[in-house]
Amino acid sequence: SYQGFNPDRWGLKPDVLFCFDLELPPDFVPTPVDGEVACFTLMSIDEIVKDLRDWENGNWKPNVGVVLVDFLIRHGFV
């Protein structure tokens, strides 16, 4: 769970995320079909950590950052 700002930046919005790992074959290519995602990009762990550290770049929504940090901790990268 985490606290984030409401879209109008006034007040906090509590949220709960349920995270699951899904191992996929190396040749799997995801296709965006629901309109929520424009594209997918394969990144190394080092690229993800570097990108997360530069949080002001706006590449990640806060809830995505929480999920990525959770993954990095559980898999021993952090």
N, C-alpha and C. Protein backbone atom coordinates (compact mmCIF):
# COMPACT_ATOMS: atom_id res chain seq x y z
N SER A 1 0.84 -1.18 0.00
CA SER A 1 0.00 0.00 0.00
C SER A 1 0.89 1.24 0.00
N TYR A 2 0.35 2.32 -0.47
CA TYR A 2 1.08 3.58 -0.50
C TYR A 2 0.09 4.73 -0.50
N GLN A 3 0.60 5.93 -0.23
CA GLN A 3 -0.20 7.14 -0.27
C GLN A 3 0.28 8.00 -1.44
N GLY A 4 -0.61 8.48 -2.23
CA GLY A 4 -0.27 9.38 -3.33
C GLY A 4 -1.18 10.59 -3.29
N PHE A 5 -0.81 11.61 -4.03
CA PHE A 5 -1.66 12.80 -4.11
C PHE A 5 -2.84 12.53 -5.02
N ASN A 6 -3.97 13.15 -4.70
CA ASN A 6 -5.12 13.12 -5.59
C ASN A 6 -4.75 13.82 -6.89
N PRO A 7 -5.44 13.53 -7.99
CA PRO A 7 -5.12 14.16 -9.28
C PRO A 7 -5.08 15.69 -9.22
N ASP A 8 -5.89 16.30 -8.36
CA ASP A 8 -5.90 17.77 -8.25
C ASP A 8 -4.80 18.28 -7.31
N ARG A 9 -3.95 17.35 -6.81
CA ARG A 9 -2.83 17.66 -5.92
C ARG A 9 -3.29 18.16 -4.56
N TRP A 10 -4.56 17.98 -4.21
CA TRP A 10 -5.07 18.41 -2.93
C TRP A 10 -5.49 17.18 -2.14
N GLY A 11 -4.76 16.85 -1.11
CA GLY A 11 -5.09 15.70 -0.28
C GLY A 11 -4.38 14.44 -0.75
N LEU A 12 -4.41 13.44 0.11
CA LEU A 12 -3.76 12.17 -0.19
C LEU A 12 -4.77 11.12 -0.59
N LYS A 13 -4.34 10.21 -1.43
CA LYS A 13 -5.18 9.11 -1.91
C LYS A 13 -4.51 7.80 -1.50
N PRO A 14 -5.12 7.05 -0.58
CA PRO A 14 -4.54 5.75 -0.23
C PRO A 14 -4.81 4.74 -1.35
N ASP A 15 -3.87 3.85 -1.56
CA ASP A 15 -4.04 2.86 -2.61
C ASP A 15 -3.35 1.56 -2.20
N VAL A 16 -3.82 0.45 -2.71
CA VAL A 16 -3.23 -0.85 -2.47
C VAL A 16 -2.96 -1.49 -3.83
N LEU A 17 -1.74 -1.97 -4.02
CA LEU A 17 -1.38 -2.65 -5.27
C LEU A 17 -1.05 -4.10 -4.96
N PHE A 18 -1.54 -5.00 -5.75
CA PHE A 18 -1.21 -6.42 -5.63
C PHE A 18 -0.27 -6.76 -6.78
N CYS A 19 0.93 -7.23 -6.45
CA CYS A 19 1.96 -7.48 -7.46
C CYS A 19 2.20 -8.98 -7.62
N PHE A 20 2.29 -9.41 -8.86
CA PHE A 20 2.57 -10.79 -9.18
C PHE A 20 3.68 -10.84 -10.23
N ASP A 21 4.57 -11.81 -10.11
CA ASP A 21 5.60 -12.00 -11.12
C ASP A 21 5.11 -13.03 -12.13
N LEU A 22 5.28 -12.73 -13.39
CA LEU A 22 4.90 -13.63 -14.46
C LEU A 22 6.11 -13.85 -15.35
N GLU A 23 6.71 -15.02 -15.24
CA GLU A 23 7.87 -15.32 -16.06
C GLU A 23 7.42 -15.66 -17.48
N LEU A 24 8.04 -15.02 -18.44
CA LEU A 24 7.68 -15.20 -19.85
C LEU A 24 8.87 -15.71 -20.64
N PRO A 25 8.62 -16.39 -21.75
CA PRO A 25 9.74 -16.85 -22.59
C PRO A 25 10.51 -15.66 -23.16
N PRO A 26 11.80 -15.83 -23.42
CA PRO A 26 12.63 -14.71 -23.90
C PRO A 26 12.14 -14.10 -25.22
N ASP A 27 11.44 -14.87 -26.03
CA ASP A 27 10.99 -14.36 -27.32
C ASP A 27 9.58 -13.74 -27.27
N PHE A 28 9.00 -13.62 -26.08
CA PHE A 28 7.66 -13.04 -25.94
C PHE A 28 7.71 -11.55 -26.26
N VAL A 29 6.79 -11.08 -27.09
CA VAL A 29 6.68 -9.67 -27.44
C VAL A 29 5.28 -9.20 -27.07
N PRO A 30 5.15 -8.35 -26.02
CA PRO A 30 3.82 -7.88 -25.63
C PRO A 30 3.26 -6.89 -26.66
N THR A 31 1.95 -6.87 -26.78
CA THR A 31 1.27 -5.97 -27.71
C THR A 31 0.24 -5.16 -26.93
N PRO A 32 0.34 -3.83 -26.96
CA PRO A 32 -0.68 -3.01 -26.27
C PRO A 32 -2.00 -3.07 -27.04
N VAL A 33 -3.08 -3.40 -26.34
CA VAL A 33 -4.37 -3.51 -27.01
C VAL A 33 -5.51 -2.80 -26.27
N ASP A 34 -5.28 -2.35 -25.02
CA ASP A 34 -6.39 -1.80 -24.24
C ASP A 34 -6.42 -0.27 -24.20
N GLY A 35 -5.47 0.37 -24.87
CA GLY A 35 -5.46 1.83 -24.89
C GLY A 35 -4.80 2.47 -23.68
N GLU A 36 -4.44 1.69 -22.66
CA GLU A 36 -3.79 2.26 -21.48
C GLU A 36 -2.29 2.39 -21.66
N VAL A 37 -1.71 1.61 -22.56
CA VAL A 37 -0.26 1.59 -22.77
C VAL A 37 0.01 1.88 -24.24
N ALA A 38 0.95 2.78 -24.50
CA ALA A 38 1.29 3.11 -25.88
C ALA A 38 2.27 2.11 -26.47
N CYS A 39 3.23 1.66 -25.64
CA CYS A 39 4.22 0.71 -26.11
C CYS A 39 4.90 0.04 -24.92
N PHE A 40 5.66 -0.99 -25.20
CA PHE A 40 6.47 -1.68 -24.19
C PHE A 40 7.93 -1.56 -24.60
N THR A 41 8.81 -1.41 -23.60
CA THR A 41 10.24 -1.29 -23.86
C THR A 41 10.98 -2.27 -22.95
N LEU A 42 11.81 -3.11 -23.53
CA LEU A 42 12.64 -4.02 -22.74
C LEU A 42 13.83 -3.25 -22.20
N MET A 43 13.99 -3.29 -20.87
CA MET A 43 15.08 -2.56 -20.21
C MET A 43 15.85 -3.50 -19.30
N SER A 44 17.14 -3.25 -19.16
CA SER A 44 17.95 -4.01 -18.21
C SER A 44 17.66 -3.50 -16.80
N ILE A 45 18.05 -4.28 -15.80
CA ILE A 45 17.89 -3.86 -14.41
C ILE A 45 18.64 -2.55 -14.18
N ASP A 46 19.87 -2.44 -14.70
CA ASP A 46 20.65 -1.21 -14.52
C ASP A 46 19.93 0.00 -15.12
N GLU A 47 19.31 -0.17 -16.28
CA GLU A 47 18.59 0.93 -16.91
C GLU A 47 17.39 1.35 -16.06
N ILE A 48 16.69 0.36 -15.51
CA ILE A 48 15.52 0.65 -14.67
C ILE A 48 15.94 1.41 -13.42
N VAL A 49 16.99 0.92 -12.74
CA VAL A 49 17.46 1.58 -11.51
C VAL A 49 17.90 3.01 -11.82
N LYS A 50 18.65 3.19 -12.89
CA LYS A 50 19.11 4.54 -13.27
C LYS A 50 17.91 5.45 -13.55
N ASP A 51 16.93 4.94 -14.27
CA ASP A 51 15.74 5.71 -14.61
C ASP A 51 14.92 6.05 -13.37
N LEU A 52 14.81 5.11 -12.43
CA LEU A 52 14.07 5.37 -11.20
C LEU A 52 14.76 6.44 -10.35
N ARG A 53 16.09 6.42 -10.35
CA ARG A 53 16.83 7.44 -9.58
C ARG A 53 16.59 8.83 -10.14
N ASP A 54 16.39 8.93 -11.44
CA ASP A 54 16.12 10.21 -12.08
C ASP A 54 14.61 10.40 -12.19
N TRP A 55 13.93 10.36 -11.04
CA TRP A 55 12.46 10.34 -11.02
C TRP A 55 11.83 11.60 -11.62
N GLU A 56 12.58 12.68 -11.68
CA GLU A 56 12.00 13.91 -12.23
C GLU A 56 11.81 13.84 -13.74
N ASN A 57 12.36 12.80 -14.40
CA ASN A 57 12.21 12.68 -15.85
C ASN A 57 10.76 12.37 -16.24
N GLY A 58 9.96 11.93 -15.28
CA GLY A 58 8.54 11.66 -15.54
C GLY A 58 8.28 10.39 -16.33
N ASN A 59 9.27 9.49 -16.41
CA ASN A 59 9.08 8.25 -17.16
C ASN A 59 8.17 7.25 -16.45
N TRP A 60 8.03 7.39 -15.14
CA TRP A 60 7.24 6.42 -14.37
C TRP A 60 6.18 7.15 -13.57
N LYS A 61 4.96 6.61 -13.58
CA LYS A 61 3.95 7.09 -12.65
C LYS A 61 4.35 6.60 -11.26
N PRO A 62 3.98 7.31 -10.19
CA PRO A 62 4.39 6.88 -8.84
C PRO A 62 4.02 5.44 -8.51
N ASN A 63 2.83 4.99 -8.93
CA ASN A 63 2.44 3.62 -8.60
C ASN A 63 3.32 2.59 -9.33
N VAL A 64 3.83 2.93 -10.50
CA VAL A 64 4.73 2.03 -11.23
C VAL A 64 6.08 1.97 -10.51
N GLY A 65 6.55 3.12 -10.03
CA GLY A 65 7.80 3.15 -9.28
C GLY A 65 7.74 2.27 -8.05
N VAL A 66 6.61 2.28 -7.35
CA VAL A 66 6.43 1.44 -6.16
C VAL A 66 6.54 -0.04 -6.54
N VAL A 67 5.91 -0.43 -7.62
CA VAL A 67 5.95 -1.83 -8.07
C VAL A 67 7.37 -2.22 -8.48
N LEU A 68 8.07 -1.34 -9.19
CA LEU A 68 9.43 -1.66 -9.62
C LEU A 68 10.38 -1.79 -8.43
N VAL A 69 10.28 -0.90 -7.46
CA VAL A 69 11.13 -0.99 -6.26
C VAL A 69 10.82 -2.28 -5.51
N ASP A 70 9.55 -2.65 -5.40
CA ASP A 70 9.17 -3.91 -4.76
C ASP A 70 9.84 -5.09 -5.47
N PHE A 71 9.80 -5.12 -6.79
CA PHE A 71 10.43 -6.19 -7.57
C PHE A 71 11.93 -6.23 -7.32
N LEU A 72 12.58 -5.07 -7.37
CA LEU A 72 14.03 -5.00 -7.19
C LEU A 72 14.45 -5.50 -5.81
N ILE A 73 13.69 -5.18 -4.79
CA ILE A 73 13.99 -5.65 -3.43
C ILE A 73 13.79 -7.16 -3.32
N ARG A 74 12.63 -7.64 -3.78
CA ARG A 74 12.32 -9.08 -3.63
C ARG A 74 13.29 -9.97 -4.39
N HIS A 75 13.88 -9.45 -5.48
CA HIS A 75 14.79 -10.25 -6.29
C HIS A 75 16.27 -9.95 -6.01
N GLY A 76 16.53 -9.17 -4.95
CA GLY A 76 17.89 -8.95 -4.49
C GLY A 76 18.73 -7.98 -5.30
N PHE A 77 18.10 -7.13 -6.09
CA PHE A 77 18.85 -6.14 -6.86
C PHE A 77 19.12 -4.88 -6.05
N VAL A 78 18.35 -4.67 -4.99
CA VAL A 78 18.52 -3.52 -4.11
C VAL A 78 18.68 -4.02 -2.71
